[in-house]
PDB file of N, CA and C in Angstrom:
ATOM      1  N   UNK A   1       0.850  -1.156   0.000  1.00  0.00           N
ATOM      2  CA  UNK A   1       0.000   0.000   0.000  1.00  0.00           C
ATOM      3  C   UNK A   1       0.899   1.222   0.000  1.00  0.00           C
ATOM      4  N   UNK A   2       0.504   2.193  -0.761  1.00  0.00           N
ATOM      5  CA  UNK A   2       1.246   3.451  -0.828  1.00  0.00           C
ATOM      6  C   UNK A   2       0.293   4.572  -0.491  1.00  0.00           C
ATOM      7  N   UNK A   3       0.723   5.496   0.330  1.00  0.00           N
ATOM      8  CA  UNK A   3      -0.108   6.643   0.696  1.00  0.00           C
ATOM      9  C   UNK A   3       0.619   7.922   0.298  1.00  0.00           C
ATOM     10  N   UNK A   4      -0.100   8.806  -0.351  1.00  0.00           N
ATOM     11  CA  UNK A   4       0.422  10.107  -0.737  1.00  0.00           C
ATOM     12  C   UNK A   4      -0.338  11.174   0.034  1.00  0.00           C
ATOM     13  N   UNK A   5       0.309  12.267   0.380  1.00  0.00           N
ATOM     14  CA  UNK A   5      -0.371  13.300   1.166  1.00  0.00           C
ATOM     15  C   UNK A   5      -1.492  14.001   0.402  1.00  0.00           C
ATOM     16  N   UNK A   6      -1.395  14.006  -0.927  1.00  0.00           N
ATOM     17  CA  UNK A   6      -2.440  14.629  -1.736  1.00  0.00           C
ATOM     18  C   UNK A   6      -2.297  14.167  -3.181  1.00  0.00           C
ATOM     19  N   UNK A   7      -3.293  14.431  -3.984  1.00  0.00           N
ATOM     20  CA  UNK A   7      -3.313  13.979  -5.375  1.00  0.00           C
ATOM     21  C   UNK A   7      -2.198  14.644  -6.194  1.00  0.00           C
ATOM     22  N   UNK A   8      -1.866  15.868  -5.846  1.00  0.00           N
ATOM     23  CA  UNK A   8      -0.814  16.568  -6.585  1.00  0.00           C
ATOM     24  C   UNK A   8       0.530  15.870  -6.428  1.00  0.00           C
ATOM     25  N   UNK A   9       0.808  15.353  -5.248  1.00  0.00           N
ATOM     26  CA  UNK A   9       2.054  14.631  -5.021  1.00  0.00           C
ATOM     27  C   UNK A   9       2.098  13.357  -5.854  1.00  0.00           C
ATOM     28  N   UNK A  10       0.978  12.636  -5.904  1.00  0.00           N
ATOM     29  CA  UNK A  10       0.914  11.426  -6.723  1.00  0.00           C
ATOM     30  C   UNK A  10       1.115  11.751  -8.196  1.00  0.00           C
ATOM     31  N   UNK A  11       0.442  12.773  -8.676  1.00  0.00           N
ATOM     32  CA  UNK A  11       0.568  13.167 -10.083  1.00  0.00           C
ATOM     33  C   UNK A  11       2.007  13.572 -10.390  1.00  0.00           C
ATOM     34  N   UNK A  12       2.646  14.285  -9.470  1.00  0.00           N
ATOM     35  CA  UNK A  12       4.043  14.673  -9.666  1.00  0.00           C
ATOM     36  C   UNK A  12       4.955  13.467  -9.795  1.00  0.00           C
ATOM     37  N   UNK A  13       4.721  12.450  -8.977  1.00  0.00           N
ATOM     38  CA  UNK A  13       5.520  11.235  -9.074  1.00  0.00           C
ATOM     39  C   UNK A  13       5.252  10.530 -10.399  1.00  0.00           C
ATOM     40  N   UNK A  14       3.995  10.343 -10.716  1.00  0.00           N
ATOM     41  CA  UNK A  14       3.630   9.598 -11.926  1.00  0.00           C
ATOM     42  C   UNK A  14       4.085  10.305 -13.199  1.00  0.00           C
ATOM     43  N   UNK A  15       4.207  11.611 -13.164  1.00  0.00           N
ATOM     44  CA  UNK A  15       4.622  12.369 -14.340  1.00  0.00           C
ATOM     45  C   UNK A  15       6.137  12.523 -14.435  1.00  0.00           C
ATOM     46  N   UNK A  16       6.853  12.128 -13.388  1.00  0.00           N
ATOM     47  CA  UNK A  16       8.305  12.292 -13.367  1.00  0.00           C
ATOM     48  C   UNK A  16       9.010  11.417 -14.383  1.00  0.00           C
ATOM     49  N   UNK A  17      10.147  11.871 -14.902  1.00  0.00           N
ATOM     50  CA  UNK A  17      10.864  11.137 -15.946  1.00  0.00           C
ATOM     51  C   UNK A  17      11.360   9.761 -15.492  1.00  0.00           C
ATOM     52  N   UNK A  18      11.808   9.634 -14.250  1.00  0.00           N
ATOM     53  CA  UNK A  18      12.300   8.333 -13.782  1.00  0.00           C
ATOM     54  C   UNK A  18      11.159   7.316 -13.746  1.00  0.00           C
ATOM     55  N   UNK A  19      10.019   7.730 -13.224  1.00  0.00           N
ATOM     56  CA  UNK A  19       8.862   6.830 -13.194  1.00  0.00           C
ATOM     57  C   UNK A  19       8.417   6.479 -14.611  1.00  0.00           C
ATOM     58  N   UNK A  20       8.359   7.461 -15.478  1.00  0.00           N
ATOM     59  CA  UNK A  20       7.926   7.222 -16.854  1.00  0.00           C
ATOM     60  C   UNK A  20       8.852   6.243 -17.575  1.00  0.00           C
ATOM     61  N   UNK A  21      10.121   6.283 -17.247  1.00  0.00           N
ATOM     62  CA  UNK A  21      11.074   5.370 -17.878  1.00  0.00           C
ATOM     63  C   UNK A  21      10.886   3.939 -17.377  1.00  0.00           C
ATOM     64  N   UNK A  22      10.631   3.776 -16.092  1.00  0.00           N
ATOM     65  CA  UNK A  22      10.528   2.443 -15.503  1.00  0.00           C
ATOM     66  C   UNK A  22       9.129   1.859 -15.540  1.00  0.00           C
ATOM     67  N   UNK A  23       8.133   2.702 -15.656  1.00  0.00           N
ATOM     68  CA  UNK A  23       6.745   2.285 -15.484  1.00  0.00           C
ATOM     69  C   UNK A  23       6.219   1.264 -16.490  1.00  0.00           C
ATOM     70  N   UNK A  24       6.503   1.368 -17.780  1.00  0.00           N
ATOM     71  CA  UNK A  24       5.841   0.454 -18.717  1.00  0.00           C
ATOM     72  C   UNK A  24       6.007  -1.027 -18.377  1.00  0.00           C
ATOM     73  N   UNK A  25       7.187  -1.474 -18.105  1.00  0.00           N
ATOM     74  CA  UNK A  25       7.400  -2.896 -17.794  1.00  0.00           C
ATOM     75  C   UNK A  25       6.753  -3.268 -16.468  1.00  0.00           C
ATOM     76  N   UNK A  26       6.894  -2.410 -15.480  1.00  0.00           N
ATOM     77  CA  UNK A  26       6.313  -2.698 -14.174  1.00  0.00           C
ATOM     78  C   UNK A  26       4.794  -2.649 -14.218  1.00  0.00           C
ATOM     79  N   UNK A  27       4.247  -1.696 -14.952  1.00  0.00           N
ATOM     80  CA  UNK A  27       2.794  -1.540 -15.027  1.00  0.00           C
ATOM     81  C   UNK A  27       2.144  -2.753 -15.674  1.00  0.00           C
ATOM     82  N   UNK A  28       2.712  -3.242 -16.744  1.00  0.00           N
ATOM     83  CA  UNK A  28       2.136  -4.399 -17.422  1.00  0.00           C
ATOM     84  C   UNK A  28       2.126  -5.615 -16.496  1.00  0.00           C
ATOM     85  N   UNK A  29       3.203  -5.837 -15.784  1.00  0.00           N
ATOM     86  CA  UNK A  29       3.281  -6.971 -14.869  1.00  0.00           C
ATOM     87  C   UNK A  29       2.313  -6.818 -13.698  1.00  0.00           C
ATOM     88  N   UNK A  30       2.076  -5.595 -13.270  1.00  0.00           N
ATOM     89  CA  UNK A  30       1.235  -5.357 -12.099  1.00  0.00           C
ATOM     90  C   UNK A  30      -0.260  -5.350 -12.404  1.00  0.00           C
ATOM     91  N   UNK A  31      -0.647  -5.210 -13.647  1.00  0.00           N
ATOM     92  CA  UNK A  31      -2.067  -5.091 -13.968  1.00  0.00           C
ATOM     93  C   UNK A  31      -2.888  -6.281 -13.503  1.00  0.00           C
ATOM     94  N   UNK A  32      -2.294  -7.450 -13.459  1.00  0.00           N
ATOM     95  CA  UNK A  32      -3.028  -8.633 -13.026  1.00  0.00           C
ATOM     96  C   UNK A  32      -3.356  -8.614 -11.544  1.00  0.00           C
ATOM     97  N   UNK A  33      -2.648  -7.826 -10.769  1.00  0.00           N
ATOM     98  CA  UNK A  33      -2.837  -7.885  -9.323  1.00  0.00           C
ATOM     99  C   UNK A  33      -2.893  -6.511  -8.647  1.00  0.00           C
ATOM    100  N   UNK A  34      -3.337  -5.494  -9.338  1.00  0.00           N
ATOM    101  CA  UNK A  34      -3.372  -4.146  -8.784  1.00  0.00           C
ATOM    102  C   UNK A  34      -4.799  -3.704  -8.520  1.00  0.00           C
ATOM    103  N   UNK A  35      -4.998  -3.073  -7.383  1.00  0.00           N
ATOM    104  CA  UNK A  35      -6.279  -2.493  -7.028  1.00  0.00           C
ATOM    105  C   UNK A  35      -6.013  -1.061  -6.590  1.00  0.00           C
ATOM    106  N   UNK A  36      -6.637  -0.119  -7.263  1.00  0.00           N
ATOM    107  CA  UNK A  36      -6.481   1.297  -6.924  1.00  0.00           C
ATOM    108  C   UNK A  36      -7.644   1.703  -6.028  1.00  0.00           C
ATOM    109  N   UNK A  37      -7.329   2.270  -4.884  1.00  0.00           N
ATOM    110  CA  UNK A  37      -8.345   2.807  -3.985  1.00  0.00           C
ATOM    111  C   UNK A  37      -7.979   4.251  -3.714  1.00  0.00           C
ATOM    112  N   UNK A  38      -8.715   5.166  -4.320  1.00  0.00           N
ATOM    113  CA  UNK A  38      -8.456   6.592  -4.119  1.00  0.00           C
ATOM    114  C   UNK A  38      -9.407   7.070  -3.038  1.00  0.00           C
ATOM    115  N   UNK A  39      -8.856   7.573  -1.959  1.00  0.00           N
ATOM    116  CA  UNK A  39      -9.675   8.012  -0.841  1.00  0.00           C
ATOM    117  C   UNK A  39      -9.203   9.366  -0.348  1.00  0.00           C
ATOM    118  N   UNK A  40     -10.032   9.959   0.475  1.00  0.00           N
ATOM    119  CA  UNK A  40      -9.673  11.203   1.155  1.00  0.00           C
ATOM    120  C   UNK A  40      -9.898  10.989   2.642  1.00  0.00           C
ATOM    121  N   UNK A  41      -9.047  11.570   3.480  1.00  0.00           N
ATOM    122  CA  UNK A  41      -9.268  11.425   4.910  1.00  0.00           C
ATOM    123  C   UNK A  41     -10.566  12.132   5.322  1.00  0.00           C
ATOM    124  N   UNK A  42     -11.192  11.672   6.378  1.00  0.00           N
ATOM    125  CA  UNK A  42     -12.429  12.338   6.828  1.00  0.00           C
ATOM    126  C   UNK A  42     -12.129  13.765   7.269  1.00  0.00           C
ATOM    127  N   UNK A  43     -13.071  14.627   7.020  1.00  0.00           N
ATOM    128  CA  UNK A  43     -12.894  16.024   7.457  1.00  0.00           C
ATOM    129  C   UNK A  43     -13.125  16.100   8.957  1.00  0.00           C
ATOM    130  N   UNK A  44     -12.267  16.875   9.587  1.00  0.00           N
ATOM    131  CA  UNK A  44     -12.356  17.020  11.052  1.00  0.00           C
ATOM    132  C   UNK A  44     -12.994  18.324  11.400  1.00  0.00           C
TER     133      UNK A  44
END
């Protein structure tokens, strides 16, 4: 499980050149076993 402080941080990582270079091979292998759960913490 990976937690990001906000959506902008996740987008920044996913758009980064290092991730973009490594992602295609890893993404294809992970598609069989990946579940995305996008949530927000409860408002206090």
